[in-house]
Amino acid sequence: MRVLVLYSHPVEESFGGALHRQTVTSLKTAGHEVDDCNLYAEAFDPVLSRHDRVIYHDYPENTEILKPYVERLQKAEALVICTPVWNFGFPAILKGYFDRVWLPGVSFELVNGKVASRLQHIGKLGAVLTYGADPLRAFIAGNPPKKIIKRVIRAQIKPFAPVVFLAHYDMNRSTDETRVRFLAKVKAQMERF
């Protein structure tokens, strides 16, 4: 299976970097073809410009400036998002990826005023996230990243596609033991992905 990994952490030596490396290695061990989209390393521009917004609904013109990213998404058979959660949201670079690449004509189209998915070729979804907050605090805040993964993105891909959601909460008080345990969990889950 061709797996598009979306990674968004600016520090490769971080625990997020270790999770990214483990995710990619484990997916390859499982026999998947991995398209490793490291948004920071690729210097992805997350800013939706005035021009981008003006042509937002004009397919295929809206895809020209980001054609390589659009093609990578269109070739994906599975998607794994590997990212920290900052202020109960995705880093700006990842949010900007969704705003700029998941365009009309690419991820959806309007048919008689209703949204129809164009990502049903993606048959599996995974997420490897880290939160500074503990699970209770994330729950009280509504846990927007979890809802985006398990509701919003899931609704845009193949119906009833399986979702693997892995989160290391309470990074502010993590220990070597909790991080090692979570890395092992990521390894096992991605090798079964």
Protein backbone atom coordinates (compact mmCIF):
# COMPACT_ATOMS: atom_id res chain seq x y z
CA MET A 1 0.00 0.00 0.00
CA ARG A 2 1.25 3.51 -0.79
CA VAL A 3 1.20 5.47 2.49
CA LEU A 4 1.50 9.24 2.58
CA VAL A 5 3.08 10.26 5.90
CA LEU A 6 2.48 13.90 6.83
CA TYR A 7 5.08 14.97 9.36
CA SER A 8 5.21 18.39 10.99
CA HIS A 9 7.81 19.01 13.66
CA PRO A 10 10.66 21.52 13.20
CA VAL A 11 13.22 19.70 15.39
CA GLU A 12 14.44 16.37 14.03
CA GLU A 13 16.22 15.53 17.32
CA SER A 14 12.95 15.83 19.27
CA PHE A 15 10.74 13.00 20.48
CA GLY A 16 8.46 13.96 17.59
CA GLY A 17 11.40 13.27 15.27
CA ALA A 18 11.90 9.86 16.88
CA LEU A 19 8.20 9.08 16.40
CA HIS A 20 8.42 10.12 12.76
CA ARG A 21 11.45 7.89 12.13
CA GLN A 22 9.78 4.97 13.90
CA THR A 23 6.56 5.46 11.95
CA VAL A 24 8.33 5.47 8.58
CA THR A 25 10.61 2.54 9.48
CA SER A 26 7.73 0.42 10.77
CA LEU A 27 5.54 1.13 7.74
CA LYS A 28 8.41 0.09 5.45
CA THR A 29 9.01 -3.03 7.57
CA ALA A 30 5.34 -3.89 7.00
CA GLY A 31 5.99 -3.74 3.26
CA HIS A 32 4.33 -0.42 2.48
CA GLU A 33 5.64 2.10 0.00
CA VAL A 34 6.10 5.28 2.04
CA ASP A 35 5.86 8.80 0.68
CA ASP A 36 7.43 10.71 3.56
CA CYS A 37 6.17 14.30 3.38
CA ASN A 38 8.27 16.19 5.93
CA LEU A 39 6.65 19.62 5.71
CA TYR A 40 9.41 21.49 7.55
CA ALA A 41 12.26 19.82 5.65
CA GLU A 42 10.46 20.52 2.38
CA ALA A 43 9.91 24.18 3.42
CA PHE A 44 6.21 23.92 2.69
CA ASP A 45 4.60 27.37 2.59
CA PRO A 46 1.42 27.15 4.72
CA VAL A 47 0.11 30.62 3.87
CA LEU A 48 -3.04 30.75 1.78
CA SER A 49 -2.38 33.90 -0.24
CA ARG A 50 -4.97 36.30 -1.59
CA HIS A 51 -4.42 34.82 -5.07
CA ASP A 52 -4.83 31.26 -3.73
CA ARG A 53 -8.15 32.23 -2.14
CA VAL A 54 -9.42 34.03 -5.24
CA ILE A 55 -8.87 30.90 -7.39
CA TYR A 56 -9.73 28.45 -4.58
CA HIS A 57 -12.78 26.99 -6.41
CA ASP A 58 -11.28 27.13 -9.90
CA TYR A 59 -10.18 23.53 -10.58
CA PRO A 60 -7.64 22.67 -11.99
CA GLU A 61 -6.11 26.18 -11.91
CA ASN A 62 -6.21 26.06 -8.08
CA THR A 63 -3.79 23.11 -8.07
CA GLU A 64 -1.03 24.50 -10.30
CA ILE A 65 1.18 26.09 -7.63
CA LEU A 66 1.02 22.96 -5.43
CA LYS A 67 0.86 20.30 -8.13
CA PRO A 68 3.51 17.97 -6.58
CA TYR A 69 1.64 17.92 -3.24
CA VAL A 70 -1.69 17.37 -4.98
CA GLU A 71 -0.25 14.46 -6.99
CA ARG A 72 1.18 12.87 -3.83
CA LEU A 73 -2.22 13.05 -2.13
CA GLN A 74 -3.97 11.64 -5.21
CA LYS A 75 -1.57 8.67 -5.33
CA ALA A 76 -1.97 7.82 -1.64
CA GLU A 77 -3.81 4.68 -0.61
CA ALA A 78 -3.39 5.43 3.10
CA LEU A 79 -2.57 8.46 5.20
CA VAL A 80 -0.61 8.72 8.47
CA ILE A 81 -0.31 12.05 10.27
CA CYS A 82 2.66 12.34 12.62
CA THR A 83 2.62 15.61 14.52
CA PRO A 84 2.69 17.35 17.86
CA VAL A 85 -0.44 19.05 19.14
CA TRP A 86 0.17 22.66 20.07
CA ASN A 87 -2.50 24.76 21.80
CA PHE A 88 -5.01 21.99 21.07
CA GLY A 89 -4.41 22.24 17.34
CA PHE A 90 -2.06 21.19 14.59
CA PRO A 91 1.11 23.21 13.95
CA ALA A 92 0.46 26.05 11.47
CA ILE A 93 2.45 24.30 8.74
CA LEU A 94 0.17 21.23 8.87
CA LYS A 95 -3.01 23.31 9.08
CA GLY A 96 -1.74 25.28 6.09
CA TYR A 97 -1.14 22.02 4.20
CA PHE A 98 -4.80 21.10 4.62
CA ASP A 99 -5.94 24.62 3.68
CA ARG A 100 -3.76 24.77 0.55
CA VAL A 101 -3.67 21.17 -0.74
CA TRP A 102 -7.09 19.75 0.19
CA LEU A 103 -8.78 21.85 -2.47
CA PRO A 104 -12.03 21.70 -4.40
CA GLY A 105 -11.42 19.22 -7.21
CA VAL A 106 -8.75 17.47 -5.12
CA SER A 107 -10.24 16.41 -1.79
CA PHE A 108 -13.86 17.28 -2.54
CA GLU A 109 -16.20 18.68 -5.13
CA LEU A 110 -19.52 20.41 -4.89
CA VAL A 111 -22.35 18.47 -6.55
CA ASN A 112 -25.71 20.27 -6.50
CA GLY A 113 -24.53 22.28 -3.51
CA LYS A 114 -23.43 19.20 -1.55
CA VAL A 115 -19.88 18.15 -0.76
CA ALA A 116 -18.73 14.90 -2.39
CA SER A 117 -15.41 13.34 -1.38
CA ARG A 118 -12.64 12.82 -3.91
CA LEU A 119 -10.37 10.99 -1.44
CA GLN A 120 -12.09 7.62 -1.38
CA HIS A 121 -8.93 6.02 -2.77
CA ILE A 122 -7.49 6.47 0.75
CA GLY A 123 -8.51 3.27 2.52
CA LYS A 124 -6.78 3.66 5.88
CA LEU A 125 -5.94 6.50 8.24
CA GLY A 126 -3.44 6.74 11.07
CA ALA A 127 -2.32 9.40 13.52
CA VAL A 128 0.70 9.54 15.82
CA LEU A 129 0.30 12.60 18.05
CA THR A 130 1.90 14.10 21.12
CA TYR A 131 0.05 16.41 23.50
CA GLY A 132 1.46 18.60 26.26
CA ALA A 133 -1.88 18.24 28.04
CA ASP A 134 -3.06 15.19 29.94
CA PRO A 135 -6.09 13.26 28.60
CA LEU A 136 -8.57 14.96 30.95
CA ARG A 137 -7.48 18.45 29.97
CA ALA A 138 -7.62 17.50 26.28
CA PHE A 139 -11.11 16.06 26.81
CA ILE A 140 -12.32 19.21 28.59
CA ALA A 141 -10.97 21.32 25.71
CA GLY A 142 -12.91 19.13 23.26
CA ASN A 143 -9.78 17.48 21.85
CA PRO A 144 -10.03 19.15 18.41
CA PRO A 145 -7.13 17.20 16.81
CA LYS A 146 -8.73 13.86 17.69
CA LYS A 147 -12.06 15.03 16.24
CA ILE A 148 -10.35 16.23 13.07
CA ILE A 149 -8.70 12.84 12.61
CA LYS A 150 -11.59 10.58 13.64
CA ARG A 151 -14.48 12.63 12.28
CA VAL A 152 -13.48 15.23 9.68
CA ILE A 153 -10.71 13.43 7.79
CA ARG A 154 -12.33 10.03 8.25
CA ALA A 155 -15.50 11.37 6.64
CA GLN A 156 -13.49 12.46 3.59
CA ILE A 157 -11.78 9.15 2.82
CA LYS A 158 -13.16 5.72 1.92
CA PRO A 159 -16.32 5.04 3.94
CA PHE A 160 -15.73 2.89 7.03
CA ALA A 161 -11.95 3.01 6.55
CA PRO A 162 -10.11 1.89 9.69
CA VAL A 163 -8.43 4.55 11.82
CA VAL A 164 -5.40 4.02 14.06
CA PHE A 165 -5.20 6.85 16.60
CA LEU A 166 -2.10 6.89 18.83
CA ALA A 167 -1.51 9.72 21.27
CA HIS A 168 1.12 10.31 23.92
CA TYR A 169 -0.59 12.70 26.30
CA ASP A 170 1.04 14.70 29.09
CA MET A 171 4.36 15.25 27.32
CA ASN A 172 5.02 18.03 29.82
CA ARG A 173 5.54 15.32 32.43
CA SER A 174 6.72 12.46 30.22
CA THR A 175 9.55 10.22 31.30
CA ASP A 176 12.03 8.03 29.47
CA GLU A 177 9.79 5.11 30.38
CA THR A 178 6.58 6.64 28.97
CA ARG A 179 8.36 7.67 25.77
CA VAL A 180 9.96 4.23 25.27
CA ARG A 181 6.59 2.58 25.88
CA PHE A 182 4.86 4.86 23.36
CA LEU A 183 7.58 4.33 20.73
CA ALA A 184 7.07 0.57 21.13
CA LYS A 185 3.32 1.02 20.68
CA VAL A 186 3.87 3.07 17.52
CA LYS A 187 6.29 0.44 16.19
CA ALA A 188 3.81 -2.38 16.77
CA GLN A 189 0.78 -0.53 15.37
CA MET A 190 2.57 0.74 12.26
CA GLU A 191 4.01 -2.70 11.55
CA ARG A 192 0.39 -3.96 11.52
CA PHE A 193 -0.96 -0.96 9.61
